[in-house]
Amino acid sequence: MKFTVEIDVMPLKEILDPQGKAVKLGLGHLGIENVQEVRIGRHITMTMQAKDEKEARATVEKACEKLLSNVIMETYTYTIKEQKTVGRK
């Protein structure tokens, strides 16, 4: 089965986010004053093969824990969607 995975990695709320602060400051310079907080993270999209969704989730968890996020300073969320194949007769 083929799956599409969307992963979002964000800094923990307790961690200083200098990129977010810089963007908030830049917005203020543009006259956009009503923004209270900006957090900058990463969005990762990948496609993968797995025998089922359970195997896909295990693979994504391993990738996030070991490579895609720093679990000490970041959190991650993800969605997995099976890619449907359309057959012809």
Protein backbone atom coordinates (compact mmCIF):
# COMPACT_ATOMS: atom_id res chain seq x y z
CA MET A 1 0.00 0.00 0.00
CA LYS A 2 1.14 3.52 -0.70
CA PHE A 3 0.68 6.27 1.87
CA THR A 4 1.10 10.04 1.95
CA VAL A 5 2.38 11.39 5.26
CA GLU A 6 2.16 15.02 6.40
CA ILE A 7 4.38 15.82 9.41
CA ASP A 8 4.54 19.08 11.37
CA VAL A 9 7.47 19.68 13.72
CA MET A 10 7.21 22.62 16.12
CA PRO A 11 9.36 23.93 18.98
CA LEU A 12 7.96 23.23 22.44
CA LYS A 13 6.02 26.16 23.93
CA GLU A 14 8.65 26.43 26.68
CA ILE A 15 11.50 26.88 24.18
CA LEU A 16 12.48 30.30 22.88
CA ASP A 17 11.68 30.65 19.17
CA PRO A 18 14.00 33.36 17.76
CA GLN A 19 12.64 32.92 14.21
CA GLY A 20 9.10 33.41 15.45
CA LYS A 21 10.15 36.53 17.37
CA ALA A 22 11.86 37.95 14.26
CA VAL A 23 8.74 37.35 12.15
CA LYS A 24 6.52 38.96 14.80
CA LEU A 25 8.83 41.98 14.86
CA GLY A 26 8.76 42.15 11.04
CA LEU A 27 4.97 42.04 11.06
CA GLY A 28 4.97 44.95 13.50
CA HIS A 29 7.19 46.94 11.11
CA LEU A 30 4.59 46.30 8.39
CA GLY A 31 1.88 47.76 10.60
CA ILE A 32 0.41 44.38 11.47
CA GLU A 33 0.10 44.83 15.22
CA ASN A 34 -2.67 42.39 16.16
CA VAL A 35 -0.49 39.24 16.04
CA GLN A 36 0.20 38.01 19.56
CA GLU A 37 2.63 35.17 18.92
CA VAL A 38 4.45 33.52 16.02
CA ARG A 39 6.02 30.07 16.16
CA ILE A 40 8.10 28.78 13.26
CA GLY A 41 8.36 25.06 12.56
CA ARG A 42 8.80 22.62 9.69
CA HIS A 43 6.32 20.82 7.47
CA ILE A 44 7.45 17.56 5.89
CA THR A 45 5.55 15.60 3.23
CA MET A 46 6.59 12.13 2.21
CA THR A 47 5.18 9.14 0.39
CA MET A 48 5.93 5.63 1.49
CA GLN A 49 5.14 1.97 0.94
CA ALA A 50 3.91 -0.15 3.85
CA LYS A 51 1.85 -3.32 4.17
CA ASP A 52 -0.79 -1.47 6.22
CA GLU A 53 -1.41 1.73 8.19
CA LYS A 54 -0.03 0.21 11.39
CA GLU A 55 3.34 -0.41 9.72
CA ALA A 56 3.26 3.08 8.18
CA ARG A 57 2.65 4.65 11.60
CA ALA A 58 5.52 2.69 13.14
CA THR A 59 7.84 3.89 10.38
CA VAL A 60 6.75 7.51 10.76
CA GLU A 61 7.16 7.37 14.55
CA LYS A 62 10.68 6.01 14.16
CA ALA A 63 11.59 8.68 11.57
CA CYS A 64 10.23 11.47 13.76
CA GLU A 65 11.84 10.21 16.96
CA LYS A 66 15.26 9.42 15.44
CA LEU A 67 15.71 12.00 12.66
CA LEU A 68 13.00 14.53 11.87
CA SER A 69 12.56 16.10 15.31
CA ASN A 70 14.63 16.80 18.37
CA VAL A 71 12.27 15.36 20.97
CA ILE A 72 13.97 17.35 23.75
CA MET A 73 13.08 20.69 22.13
CA GLU A 74 10.35 19.90 19.59
CA THR A 75 7.03 18.17 19.24
CA TYR A 76 5.57 16.57 16.14
CA THR A 77 2.18 15.64 14.76
CA TYR A 78 1.36 13.76 11.60
CA THR A 79 -1.42 12.46 9.39
CA ILE A 80 -1.29 9.41 7.18
CA LYS A 81 -3.54 8.96 4.16
CA GLU A 82 -3.65 5.91 1.95
CA GLN A 83 -3.23 6.75 -1.72
CA LYS A 84 -6.06 5.16 -3.62
CA THR A 85 -5.20 3.67 -6.97
CA VAL A 86 -7.71 3.87 -9.78
CA GLY A 87 -7.71 0.75 -11.94
CA ARG A 88 -8.61 0.49 -15.61
CA LYS A 89 -10.44 -2.31 -17.33
